[in-house]
Amino acid sequence: MSPGEILINAEGHVMTPAEISERIIAFGNGYNNAVKEIIDASIVLDDDGLVFIRCASRVLSNFKMKRRGVFRENIDDVLHSCWNVVGPDLIEINRSVRASGLPRDRYLVELGEPEREDLITEIWLITKKLLPFTMGATSYGLVGASKILFSVIPEIVLPVDNAEWLHVFKTVDLGDVLRRMVCDIQEWEGITGRQLNDLDNSRRLTTLPSVYNVVAMGARP
C-alpha cells in the first residue's frame, strides 16, 4: 500500500472535504462522543494514571474490546499494569506537547521532521512495552495497544483494528502507520488547501488522527 490510498486512492481521486465531513457524520455519535471525551480529558496526564485508566477504558469500551480477550475481566488491573510500565513515558510526551507551543490538534504534522521521527520511534518502543499486557490467545496485542495510546495521546496515535493492520497498512509496526498517516495528510492538505482536523462540523473530532481514523476505517475491504 502506498501512503496515498486512504485520502487519495490508487486512481488519483482526492477525497473532498465534504466527503470526509459526511463520513464523520455517518460514523455516528458513539465514536464521535467518546473521542471528544478523551481529547478533552487527556490534555494533562496525572502522575497516578487516573486519566489514563479513565480514557483507555472509555475507548476500549467504545470499540467493544471489553467483550472478549484480555480486557473482558479485570480491565482496571490490566490498565494499572500498563500504566506502571509506560506511564512515565506518556507523561513526558504529554508535557512535551503542552510545552511545544504547537497546536495540539495538529501536533504530529506541525512538528519538525527530525523531532517527529524521534517521537514516532519512541511511540513504537512504548507500543512494544504494552504488548505483553494487550496480547491474547488469538491476538498479537497491536489493536489494544494502539487504541490505548490513542486514548491518551489522540493528537499523535491512530487506533488501528485487525482489518486495517492486515489489509490497509499491511505492517505490524505502528511507527510505519504513523509515518504513512503523516505523508497522506500532508499530501491531501497540500492539494486541497484545507486542514483535515477542521472537517468535523460538530467540533468533536479535532485531532488529525481522530479524523484520519474515520477515513482509514472506510478503506478496509
Protein backbone atom coordinates (compact mmCIF):
# COMPACT_ATOMS: atom_id res chain seq x y z
CA MET A 1 0.00 0.00 0.00
CA SER A 2 1.20 3.49 -0.79
CA PRO A 3 0.56 6.36 1.62
CA GLY A 4 -1.92 7.88 -0.82
CA GLU A 5 -4.61 5.20 -0.88
CA ILE A 6 -6.72 6.47 2.02
CA LEU A 7 -7.26 10.16 1.41
CA ILE A 8 -6.12 9.80 -2.20
CA ASN A 9 -6.87 6.47 -3.85
CA ALA A 10 -4.89 4.47 -6.41
CA GLU A 11 -6.78 6.12 -9.28
CA GLY A 12 -5.78 9.57 -8.04
CA HIS A 13 -9.19 10.53 -6.67
CA VAL A 14 -8.74 13.05 -3.88
CA MET A 15 -11.42 12.69 -1.23
CA THR A 16 -13.15 16.04 -0.90
CA PRO A 17 -13.59 17.85 2.41
CA ALA A 18 -17.36 17.44 2.02
CA GLU A 19 -17.00 13.67 1.58
CA ILE A 20 -14.91 13.41 4.74
CA SER A 21 -17.37 15.55 6.71
CA GLU A 22 -20.20 13.28 5.56
CA ARG A 23 -18.26 10.20 6.66
CA ILE A 24 -17.72 11.74 10.09
CA ILE A 25 -21.46 12.27 10.46
CA ALA A 26 -22.17 8.73 9.24
CA PHE A 27 -19.66 7.28 11.70
CA GLY A 28 -22.14 8.02 14.45
CA ASN A 29 -22.35 9.66 17.82
CA GLY A 30 -20.90 6.70 19.71
CA TYR A 31 -17.38 7.13 18.33
CA ASN A 32 -17.57 10.90 17.97
CA ASN A 33 -18.72 11.49 21.55
CA ALA A 34 -16.19 9.04 23.00
CA VAL A 35 -13.35 10.71 21.11
CA LYS A 36 -14.38 14.18 22.25
CA GLU A 37 -14.35 12.91 25.83
CA ILE A 38 -10.84 11.50 25.64
CA ILE A 39 -9.45 14.51 23.72
CA ASP A 40 -10.76 16.83 26.43
CA ALA A 41 -9.77 14.57 29.34
CA SER A 42 -6.22 13.84 28.18
CA ILE A 43 -4.99 17.43 27.89
CA VAL A 44 -2.98 16.84 31.08
CA LEU A 45 -1.97 13.38 32.34
CA ASP A 46 -1.70 12.90 36.09
CA ASP A 47 1.12 11.04 37.83
CA ASP A 48 -1.26 8.44 39.31
CA GLY A 49 -2.64 7.31 35.96
CA LEU A 50 -6.25 8.12 36.75
CA VAL A 51 -6.75 9.95 33.45
CA PHE A 52 -5.01 7.13 31.59
CA ILE A 53 -7.30 4.45 33.05
CA ARG A 54 -10.43 6.54 32.51
CA CYS A 55 -9.60 7.35 28.88
CA ALA A 56 -8.33 3.90 27.96
CA SER A 57 -11.38 2.22 29.44
CA ARG A 58 -13.66 4.62 27.55
CA VAL A 59 -12.01 3.92 24.19
CA LEU A 60 -11.79 0.15 24.70
CA SER A 61 -15.47 0.11 25.60
CA ASN A 62 -16.40 2.18 22.55
CA PHE A 63 -14.52 -0.20 20.27
CA LYS A 64 -16.23 -3.15 22.03
CA MET A 65 -12.93 -4.60 23.20
CA LYS A 66 -14.17 -5.22 26.75
CA ARG A 67 -16.40 -8.02 25.49
CA ARG A 68 -13.59 -10.52 24.91
CA GLY A 69 -9.90 -11.23 25.30
CA VAL A 70 -7.60 -9.74 27.91
CA PHE A 71 -9.91 -6.78 28.59
CA ARG A 72 -13.04 -8.82 29.30
CA GLU A 73 -12.26 -9.19 33.01
CA ASN A 74 -10.23 -7.10 35.43
CA ILE A 75 -9.67 -4.32 32.91
CA ASP A 76 -8.60 -1.91 35.64
CA ASP A 77 -5.88 -4.34 36.74
CA VAL A 78 -4.62 -4.65 33.17
CA LEU A 79 -4.62 -0.89 32.69
CA HIS A 80 -2.88 -0.32 36.03
CA SER A 81 -0.15 -2.70 34.89
CA CYS A 82 0.12 -0.85 31.58
CA TRP A 83 0.42 2.48 33.37
CA ASN A 84 3.14 1.21 35.68
CA VAL A 85 5.24 0.35 32.63
CA VAL A 86 4.55 3.23 30.22
CA GLY A 87 3.20 5.99 32.48
CA PRO A 88 6.45 7.98 32.78
CA ASP A 89 6.95 7.84 29.00
CA LEU A 90 3.42 9.11 28.34
CA ILE A 91 3.71 11.90 30.91
CA GLU A 92 6.91 13.10 29.26
CA ILE A 93 5.27 13.11 25.81
CA ASN A 94 2.25 14.93 27.22
CA ARG A 95 4.46 17.58 28.78
CA SER A 96 6.42 17.99 25.56
CA VAL A 97 3.21 18.56 23.57
CA ARG A 98 1.99 21.20 26.02
CA ALA A 99 5.36 22.96 26.17
CA SER A 100 5.92 22.96 22.40
CA GLY A 101 3.73 25.94 21.55
CA LEU A 102 2.35 23.94 18.62
CA PRO A 103 -1.41 23.42 18.14
CA ARG A 104 -2.22 20.16 19.88
CA ASP A 105 -4.74 19.03 17.26
CA ARG A 106 -2.09 19.25 14.53
CA TYR A 107 0.95 18.40 16.62
CA LEU A 108 2.25 15.42 14.66
CA VAL A 109 2.21 17.26 11.32
CA GLU A 110 3.43 20.62 12.64
CA LEU A 111 6.38 19.06 14.49
CA GLY A 112 9.75 19.31 12.72
CA GLU A 113 10.74 16.22 10.77
CA PRO A 114 13.70 15.12 12.95
CA GLU A 115 11.65 15.62 16.12
CA ARG A 116 8.70 13.78 14.59
CA GLU A 117 10.85 10.85 13.61
CA ASP A 118 12.26 10.63 17.15
CA LEU A 119 8.72 10.77 18.56
CA ILE A 120 7.42 8.07 16.21
CA THR A 121 10.33 5.81 17.15
CA GLU A 122 9.51 6.38 20.82
CA ILE A 123 5.84 5.58 20.25
CA TRP A 124 6.77 2.25 18.70
CA LEU A 125 9.01 1.43 21.69
CA ILE A 126 6.13 2.27 24.05
CA THR A 127 3.81 0.09 21.97
CA LYS A 128 6.12 -2.88 22.38
CA LYS A 129 6.14 -2.33 26.15
CA LEU A 130 2.33 -2.62 26.11
CA LEU A 131 2.13 -5.80 24.03
CA PRO A 132 2.68 -8.26 26.93
CA PHE A 133 -0.44 -6.82 28.56
CA THR A 134 -2.61 -6.49 25.44
CA MET A 135 -1.67 -9.77 23.76
CA GLY A 136 -4.24 -12.56 23.96
CA ALA A 137 -4.61 -16.16 22.86
CA THR A 138 -5.74 -15.11 19.37
CA SER A 139 -4.33 -11.58 19.19
CA TYR A 140 -0.85 -10.10 18.95
CA GLY A 141 -1.99 -7.14 21.02
CA LEU A 142 -1.42 -4.44 18.41
CA VAL A 143 -5.07 -3.42 18.27
CA GLY A 144 -5.37 -2.96 22.01
CA ALA A 145 -2.05 -1.15 22.29
CA SER A 146 -2.85 1.33 19.53
CA LYS A 147 -6.27 2.09 20.99
CA ILE A 148 -4.88 2.58 24.50
CA LEU A 149 -2.26 5.01 23.21
CA PHE A 150 -4.84 6.84 21.09
CA SER A 151 -6.96 7.32 24.21
CA VAL A 152 -4.32 9.46 25.96
CA ILE A 153 -2.30 10.92 23.07
CA PRO A 154 -5.07 11.32 20.45
CA GLU A 155 -3.06 14.07 18.76
CA ILE A 156 -0.37 11.52 17.83
CA VAL A 157 -1.55 7.89 17.65
CA LEU A 158 -4.01 6.26 15.26
CA PRO A 159 -6.21 3.47 16.65
CA VAL A 160 -5.81 0.54 14.26
CA ASP A 161 -8.06 -2.54 14.12
CA ASN A 162 -7.21 -6.00 12.78
CA ALA A 163 -8.56 -5.39 9.27
CA GLU A 164 -6.52 -2.21 8.97
CA TRP A 165 -3.31 -3.90 10.15
CA LEU A 166 -3.82 -6.74 7.67
CA HIS A 167 -5.38 -5.11 4.63
CA VAL A 168 -4.91 -1.33 4.74
CA PHE A 169 -1.50 -0.65 6.30
CA LYS A 170 -0.05 -4.17 5.86
CA THR A 171 2.51 -3.81 8.63
CA VAL A 172 2.98 -4.73 12.28
CA ASP A 173 4.89 -1.53 13.09
CA LEU A 174 2.81 1.32 14.50
CA GLY A 175 5.65 3.66 13.58
CA ASP A 176 5.17 2.80 9.91
CA VAL A 177 1.45 3.50 10.25
CA LEU A 178 2.08 6.94 11.74
CA ARG A 179 4.61 7.82 9.05
CA ARG A 180 2.12 6.87 6.35
CA MET A 181 -0.61 8.86 8.04
CA VAL A 182 1.57 11.98 8.16
CA CYS A 183 2.54 11.66 4.49
CA ASP A 184 -1.06 11.12 3.44
CA ILE A 185 -2.32 14.11 5.41
CA GLN A 186 0.44 16.38 4.15
CA GLU A 187 -0.26 15.45 0.53
CA TRP A 188 -4.03 15.81 0.93
CA GLU A 189 -3.76 19.19 2.66
CA GLY A 190 -1.31 20.39 0.02
CA ILE A 191 -3.77 19.55 -2.76
CA THR A 192 -6.99 20.74 -1.13
CA GLY A 193 -5.71 23.71 0.84
CA ARG A 194 -7.80 22.52 3.81
CA GLN A 195 -6.80 21.25 7.23
CA LEU A 196 -8.03 17.73 7.95
CA ASN A 197 -8.70 18.41 11.62
CA ASP A 198 -11.24 21.15 10.74
CA LEU A 199 -13.71 18.87 8.95
CA ASP A 200 -15.93 17.77 11.83
CA ASN A 201 -18.60 20.45 11.88
CA SER A 202 -19.65 19.37 15.38
CA ARG A 203 -16.09 20.05 16.62
CA ARG A 204 -15.84 16.71 18.40
CA LEU A 205 -13.14 15.16 16.22
CA THR A 206 -10.48 17.86 16.33
CA THR A 207 -7.17 15.97 16.20
CA LEU A 208 -5.66 14.73 12.95
CA PRO A 209 -5.64 11.02 13.95
CA SER A 210 -9.27 11.14 15.12
CA VAL A 211 -10.43 12.38 11.70
CA TYR A 212 -7.98 10.24 9.72
CA ASN A 213 -9.28 7.17 11.55
CA VAL A 214 -12.74 7.68 10.08
CA VAL A 215 -11.32 7.61 6.54
CA ALA A 216 -8.92 4.74 7.25
CA MET A 217 -11.76 2.64 8.63
CA GLY A 218 -13.61 3.21 5.37
CA ALA A 219 -10.62 1.88 3.42
CA ARG A 220 -11.00 -1.61 4.88
CA PRO A 221 -12.11 -4.37 2.49
